[in-house]
Amino acid sequence: MAKYNPEKHHRRSIHLKGYDYTQPGSYFITICTWQRHCLFGEITHGQMQLNRYGGIVQKHWQNLIRHHQYMELGEFVIMPNHIHGILILKDVSEERKSLDIESTLVKLEKSPKKTRNTRNYSGL
């Protein structure tokens, strides 16, 4: 496999200026290791063999939906020095609004009530 060469492998951002990437939709992502070091395993006989770090990456990818309830996972592949995946952000604007209102009410119920300064003055 050819090593990363910044003179040959230069990339420019393909982000759309002004686009709101928090809106619902499917997003193809690529995450590269620092200086393209092969940290996640190696390809043997045409198959990716994950090492310990590759296994950690795979575990964390699969656990994303446990921490982000408005997300679904699409296809995902781990390569020796990068990962590709599809993140799907669900349209839950109405559900999110009701959850935000509920969580605000719960916070208000649990917040300590403000009390006046009630120092104990003897003789009063």
C-alpha atoms as a PDB file:
ATOM      1  CA  MET A   1       0.000   0.000   0.000  1.00  0.00           C
ATOM      2  CA  ALA A   2       1.365   3.430  -0.943  1.00  0.00           C
ATOM      3  CA  LYS A   3       2.226   5.745   1.919  1.00  0.00           C
ATOM      4  CA  TYR A   4       0.506   9.093   2.259  1.00  0.00           C
ATOM      5  CA  ASN A   5       2.298  11.750   0.248  1.00  0.00           C
ATOM      6  CA  PRO A   6       0.993  15.312   0.842  1.00  0.00           C
ATOM      7  CA  GLU A   7       2.412  16.407  -2.528  1.00  0.00           C
ATOM      8  CA  LYS A   8       0.351  13.755  -4.302  1.00  0.00           C
ATOM      9  CA  HIS A   9      -2.619  13.285  -1.967  1.00  0.00           C
ATOM     10  CA  HIS A  10      -3.849  16.829  -1.443  1.00  0.00           C
ATOM     11  CA  ARG A  11      -7.514  17.324  -0.773  1.00  0.00           C
ATOM     12  CA  ARG A  12      -9.700  20.345  -0.561  1.00  0.00           C
ATOM     13  CA  SER A  13     -12.815  20.710   1.540  1.00  0.00           C
ATOM     14  CA  ILE A  14     -16.030  19.712  -0.165  1.00  0.00           C
ATOM     15  CA  HIS A  15     -18.238  21.280   2.518  1.00  0.00           C
ATOM     16  CA  LEU A  16     -20.962  23.439   1.056  1.00  0.00           C
ATOM     17  CA  LYS A  17     -20.655  26.999   2.303  1.00  0.00           C
ATOM     18  CA  GLY A  18     -23.743  27.997   4.230  1.00  0.00           C
ATOM     19  CA  TYR A  19     -25.159  24.457   4.396  1.00  0.00           C
ATOM     20  CA  ASP A  20     -26.564  23.435   7.778  1.00  0.00           C
ATOM     21  CA  TYR A  21     -25.023  20.035   8.462  1.00  0.00           C
ATOM     22  CA  THR A  22     -27.218  19.614  11.538  1.00  0.00           C
ATOM     23  CA  GLN A  23     -30.333  19.140   9.417  1.00  0.00           C
ATOM     24  CA  PRO A  24     -31.737  15.652   8.777  1.00  0.00           C
ATOM     25  CA  GLY A  25     -30.108  13.616   6.062  1.00  0.00           C
ATOM     26  CA  SER A  26     -27.419  11.062   5.265  1.00  0.00           C
ATOM     27  CA  TYR A  27     -23.826  12.177   5.616  1.00  0.00           C
ATOM     28  CA  PHE A  28     -20.825  10.317   4.228  1.00  0.00           C
ATOM     29  CA  ILE A  29     -17.827  10.791   6.494  1.00  0.00           C
ATOM     30  CA  THR A  30     -14.165   9.906   6.280  1.00  0.00           C
ATOM     31  CA  ILE A  31     -11.874  10.101   9.284  1.00  0.00           C
ATOM     32  CA  CYS A  32      -8.136   9.678   8.743  1.00  0.00           C
ATOM     33  CA  THR A  33      -5.445   8.821  11.247  1.00  0.00           C
ATOM     34  CA  TRP A  34      -2.709  11.308  12.029  1.00  0.00           C
ATOM     35  CA  GLN A  35      -0.230  11.401   9.172  1.00  0.00           C
ATOM     36  CA  ARG A  36      -2.078   8.437   7.695  1.00  0.00           C
ATOM     37  CA  HIS A  37      -0.382   5.973  10.019  1.00  0.00           C
ATOM     38  CA  CYS A  38      -1.848   2.475   9.675  1.00  0.00           C
ATOM     39  CA  LEU A  39      -3.236   2.143  13.189  1.00  0.00           C
ATOM     40  CA  PHE A  40      -6.350   0.010  12.721  1.00  0.00           C
ATOM     41  CA  GLY A  41      -4.957  -3.198  11.227  1.00  0.00           C
ATOM     42  CA  GLU A  42      -3.772  -4.457   7.879  1.00  0.00           C
ATOM     43  CA  ILE A  43      -5.109  -5.932   4.682  1.00  0.00           C
ATOM     44  CA  THR A  44      -4.177  -9.592   4.270  1.00  0.00           C
ATOM     45  CA  HIS A  45      -5.210 -11.554   1.176  1.00  0.00           C
ATOM     46  CA  GLY A  46      -7.660  -8.788   0.253  1.00  0.00           C
ATOM     47  CA  GLN A  47      -9.377  -8.796   3.667  1.00  0.00           C
ATOM     48  CA  MET A  48      -9.093  -6.163   6.382  1.00  0.00           C
ATOM     49  CA  GLN A  49      -7.734  -7.676   9.582  1.00  0.00           C
ATOM     50  CA  LEU A  50      -8.544  -5.393  12.502  1.00  0.00           C
ATOM     51  CA  ASN A  51      -6.048  -5.074  15.295  1.00  0.00           C
ATOM     52  CA  ARG A  52      -6.939  -4.016  18.837  1.00  0.00           C
ATOM     53  CA  TYR A  53      -7.352  -0.360  17.820  1.00  0.00           C
ATOM     54  CA  GLY A  54      -9.473  -1.268  14.831  1.00  0.00           C
ATOM     55  CA  GLY A  55     -11.713  -3.257  17.172  1.00  0.00           C
ATOM     56  CA  ILE A  56     -12.058  -0.214  19.427  1.00  0.00           C
ATOM     57  CA  VAL A  57     -13.057   1.934  16.436  1.00  0.00           C
ATOM     58  CA  GLN A  58     -15.650  -0.656  15.386  1.00  0.00           C
ATOM     59  CA  LYS A  59     -17.086  -0.829  18.920  1.00  0.00           C
ATOM     60  CA  HIS A  60     -17.348   2.951  19.193  1.00  0.00           C
ATOM     61  CA  TRP A  61     -19.028   3.246  15.789  1.00  0.00           C
ATOM     62  CA  GLN A  62     -21.657   0.701  16.803  1.00  0.00           C
ATOM     63  CA  ASN A  63     -22.223   2.497  20.126  1.00  0.00           C
ATOM     64  CA  LEU A  64     -22.856   5.906  18.542  1.00  0.00           C
ATOM     65  CA  ILE A  65     -26.611   5.315  18.454  1.00  0.00           C
ATOM     66  CA  ARG A  66     -26.645   4.642  22.196  1.00  0.00           C
ATOM     67  CA  HIS A  67     -25.415   8.174  22.802  1.00  0.00           C
ATOM     68  CA  HIS A  68     -27.182   9.974  19.946  1.00  0.00           C
ATOM     69  CA  GLN A  69     -30.846   9.036  19.815  1.00  0.00           C
ATOM     70  CA  TYR A  70     -31.525  11.053  16.649  1.00  0.00           C
ATOM     71  CA  MET A  71     -28.916   9.182  14.625  1.00  0.00           C
ATOM     72  CA  GLU A  72     -28.939   5.979  12.592  1.00  0.00           C
ATOM     73  CA  LEU A  73     -25.895   4.212  11.223  1.00  0.00           C
ATOM     74  CA  GLY A  74     -25.440   3.359   7.586  1.00  0.00           C
ATOM     75  CA  GLU A  75     -22.642   1.369   6.017  1.00  0.00           C
ATOM     76  CA  PHE A  76     -19.233   1.529   7.677  1.00  0.00           C
ATOM     77  CA  VAL A  77     -15.778   0.292   6.760  1.00  0.00           C
ATOM     78  CA  ILE A  78     -12.486   0.410   8.610  1.00  0.00           C
ATOM     79  CA  MET A  79      -9.306   0.656   6.562  1.00  0.00           C
ATOM     80  CA  PRO A  80      -5.746   0.531   7.946  1.00  0.00           C
ATOM     81  CA  ASN A  81      -5.438   4.312   8.195  1.00  0.00           C
ATOM     82  CA  HIS A  82      -8.962   5.687   7.859  1.00  0.00           C
ATOM     83  CA  ILE A  83     -12.646   4.935   8.247  1.00  0.00           C
ATOM     84  CA  HIS A  84     -15.628   5.610   5.999  1.00  0.00           C
ATOM     85  CA  GLY A  85     -19.169   5.669   7.255  1.00  0.00           C
ATOM     86  CA  ILE A  86     -22.639   6.994   6.661  1.00  0.00           C
ATOM     87  CA  LEU A  87     -24.376   8.807   9.501  1.00  0.00           C
ATOM     88  CA  ILE A  88     -28.105   9.351   9.139  1.00  0.00           C
ATOM     89  CA  LEU A  89     -29.596  12.219  11.121  1.00  0.00           C
ATOM     90  CA  LYS A  90     -33.303  11.639  11.652  1.00  0.00           C
ATOM     91  CA  ASP A  91     -35.960  14.328  11.298  1.00  0.00           C
ATOM     92  CA  VAL A  92     -37.373  14.529  14.768  1.00  0.00           C
ATOM     93  CA  SER A  93     -38.047  18.244  15.067  1.00  0.00           C
ATOM     94  CA  GLU A  94     -41.526  17.836  16.600  1.00  0.00           C
ATOM     95  CA  GLU A  95     -40.366  15.004  18.864  1.00  0.00           C
ATOM     96  CA  ARG A  96     -37.307  17.031  19.850  1.00  0.00           C
ATOM     97  CA  LYS A  97     -39.444  20.074  20.690  1.00  0.00           C
ATOM     98  CA  SER A  98     -41.662  18.046  23.013  1.00  0.00           C
ATOM     99  CA  LEU A  99     -38.609  16.430  24.626  1.00  0.00           C
ATOM    100  CA  ASP A 100     -36.993  19.840  25.104  1.00  0.00           C
ATOM    101  CA  ILE A 101     -40.136  21.148  26.785  1.00  0.00           C
ATOM    102  CA  GLU A 102     -40.339  18.064  29.017  1.00  0.00           C
ATOM    103  CA  SER A 103     -36.677  18.251  30.009  1.00  0.00           C
ATOM    104  CA  THR A 104     -37.024  21.958  30.791  1.00  0.00           C
ATOM    105  CA  LEU A 105     -40.012  21.241  33.032  1.00  0.00           C
ATOM    106  CA  VAL A 106     -38.144  18.442  34.796  1.00  0.00           C
ATOM    107  CA  LYS A 107     -35.150  20.742  35.373  1.00  0.00           C
ATOM    108  CA  LEU A 108     -37.417  23.429  36.784  1.00  0.00           C
ATOM    109  CA  GLU A 109     -39.063  20.946  39.137  1.00  0.00           C
ATOM    110  CA  LYS A 110     -35.696  19.658  40.370  1.00  0.00           C
ATOM    111  CA  SER A 111     -33.940  23.018  40.668  1.00  0.00           C
ATOM    112  CA  PRO A 112     -33.541  24.296  44.223  1.00  0.00           C
ATOM    113  CA  LYS A 113     -35.914  27.064  45.111  1.00  0.00           C
ATOM    114  CA  LYS A 114     -34.282  30.401  45.794  1.00  0.00           C
ATOM    115  CA  THR A 115     -34.523  31.247  49.448  1.00  0.00           C
ATOM    116  CA  ARG A 116     -34.040  34.512  51.217  1.00  0.00           C
ATOM    117  CA  ASN A 117     -31.022  35.027  53.354  1.00  0.00           C
ATOM    118  CA  THR A 118     -32.279  33.635  56.659  1.00  0.00           C
ATOM    119  CA  ARG A 119     -29.493  34.267  59.094  1.00  0.00           C
ATOM    120  CA  ASN A 120     -30.141  33.279  62.640  1.00  0.00           C
ATOM    121  CA  TYR A 121     -30.105  36.501  64.638  1.00  0.00           C
ATOM    122  CA  SER A 122     -30.436  35.967  68.338  1.00  0.00           C
ATOM    123  CA  GLY A 123     -32.631  38.428  70.110  1.00  0.00           C
ATOM    124  CA  LEU A 124     -34.902  39.139  67.167  1.00  0.00           C
END
